[in-house]
Structure formats: structure tokens, C-alpha cells
Amino acid sequence: MVAIRGAITVDSNTREEILAASKTLLTGLITSNSLEIRQIVSIIFTATHDLNQAYPAVAARELGVTDAGLICMQEMRVEGSLPQCLRVMILAEKDMPQAAARHLYLKGAVRLRPELAGFFAVAIDGPAGVGKGTLAKKLAEALNFTYVDTGALYRAVAYFCIREGVSPDDPGRVESVLSKLEISAECVNNTQRVLLGGEDVTDSLRTPEISEASSKVAAIPAVRAKLLKLQRDIAEGANVVMEGRDIGVKILPFAQVKIYLDAGLDERARRRYTERAAEGIGADLGAIKRELEERDLRDARREDSPLAKAGDAVLIDSTDMSPWQVTEAALRIIHEKTGGLHGGIQAG
């Protein structure tokens, strides 16, 4: 028997927020300890006195924990205690030493046991061309975190397929060559470099052809499965700002801060046009807009991990905002979500 504990703060005393926070914490504990639902014997939940709009146990049932014993308790009022906080203790029948259990303290709760909080993760999701990379780089610089561009990993897979003579439109053939794919990522000066078979291909991944192909290979479940562990391994070894399209929902559901960055289609097309022009890549604004429309449809309709906003993610509509304004808004969110532990920096 192993005991695994964790805590998380809740943004507001509503049923939706309490259940969303409970799911985030439970998912993180289950994932980081490689638990199977059937191994969970019981879960004890406690909530501070200012959380009373839902039983956290409901979240466990919704996650499929139907056979384990669930107990919910209200904590006593203690002066100076952390407000709006949920605590969890999972008892599981798992063959592992107690010392190997990975405990998890998220959001403002990292202040309770900073030595158990592990590495810190900021997850940024949003559609193509919205400026996720720009925001993630600025946040990583401001926080001194590692910037992780998951899109670059999918572009590397697309690059590999094209180099192997495999069409990204042929899922069967793409799957057949994945066994030969040796992909890794290195952090150099807090910046990600992508390697294929030990060769740094980062600077070859930003062409329109590769970008288009990456959207197609990203829709293949076998590709996403192969990259899932790599992305999580990166986050388990460093404080990260990770951007993509399913980070907060699938890759890092236990991220302490989740941001969904959005903008209107016309503005996204303008940004992508400006980006390509600055890189010396020929671009047509109308063609870019059509490309983004098609990309949005593919990302939203794919069966495996479609583009989605996590329930506990904060929306930033950047349509009428400058890059610095977006960065400052994100830093404020991080500052508030962590109770001032991170993000207390002005971007401009």
C-alpha cells in the first residue's frame, strides 16, 4: 500500500471550479505515479471552510474511480491558513516503496510544501498563428524557465517523413516508419533544439511545407502517442513554458497555470504573414488566411486530442493586444494563480 498526497488552490467557491481543480489534482497524481484506476483503494479529500459548493469526490467518480472508498471532510478554521485549498490523500495497492511516491502541490498550494512541488509548468494552448510561440518565449525569458515548442516536435516528424519519401497524407506509411524515428530535444540557454538521430534540424522546420505537413501527421494517433512521453519527460526535468494545442488537456493536465490564447482569424493571418515576411519567406495574405482556416478545421475535428481549451485555463483574447500587453496579462495570471510565487515581473 502506498499513500500519495497533494493539494491545490481553487480560484472561486463554485461547483465548476471545485470539480475542475479536483480533476486537475487527481489526474496529476494518477499520471505522475503511473497509477491504474483499479489500484486506488480509497481517496480522502479535505477542503478549507471557504469551499462548500461541491463534493470533490464527484470529480473522482467522473474520472472513473467508482470502486474505491471516497471520503470528503471540511477542515477547521485556522487563522492564517491558505484559503480555498483542497487536499487529497490517495491510498493505492501498488508495488512501489513509499519513498518513491510522487506528491503534487499545485497553484497556490506550492507554498505549503515547495520542496514537494516538483518543477513548475505553464501550459499555453490556442489555434495556429495566434502567437503562442512569441508569448511562450517571452514568458520563459521573464521567468527564467525553459521554452518548449511542441509544434516543433511535430514539424520534426513531418520533416523526417518527407526526407524518407513518405507522404504525410498516408497515415499507414507514416506509422510504418515511426520505429526508425529517433527524436529528442535539448535545452540550450533555455531554448529548445530538436534533434533527429542526433542531428540538429531546428532551423529547417519553419517552412510552409513543413508547417502544413505537421498538421497532418499530428492527427495520427501513433505520432501523438510517440511524442507524449517525450513532452512529459521534458516537463519533469525543468521548469517549463510549453505551448501547443492540447497541452493543458492532454500533455500536462497537472500544469500549475494554463492559458488559452486566442485571436480573430484576420489578425492571426496578418501575424503569420508578418512573421514569414520577416524570415524572408514569400507569403500571400489571402493564401495564409485559407491555410489557417483549413488548419483550424483539422485541429478541431481530429479524433485524437483535438484543439480544446482546458476547463481551468484562463482565456486571453489577443486580437487587439500587442505582444507586450499579452505577456503582461499572462504574467499577471501566473502571479495570481501562484499566490505571488511566480510572475511578479513587468514584461515591458
Foldseek 3Di string as FASTA:
>chain_A
DAKAKEKAAFPAQAALRLLLRLLLQVVVQCVVQVHDLVFWAEKEKEWEPRHDHDFNVVSVVVVPNDHHHYHYYYDDDDPPDDHRMMMMMTDGNDPDDNVPRQYDYFFQRCVVPVVRHAAAEEEEAEAPLLCLQVLFVLQCVQQVWAEAEVLLVLLVLLVVCVVVVHQLQDLVVSLVCVVVWDWAWDADSSYIFIDTVNHTCSVVRPAPVSSLSSLSNVLRVSSCVVCLVRLLVVRNVIHYYYYDQQCCPPRNVNHNAYAYEYEDLLQSLVSVCVVCVVVVHDDDSVVSSVSRVVSLVSQQPRPPRRRDGRSPHHYDHCHPHDSQVVNLVVLVRSCVRNVNPGSPDRSD
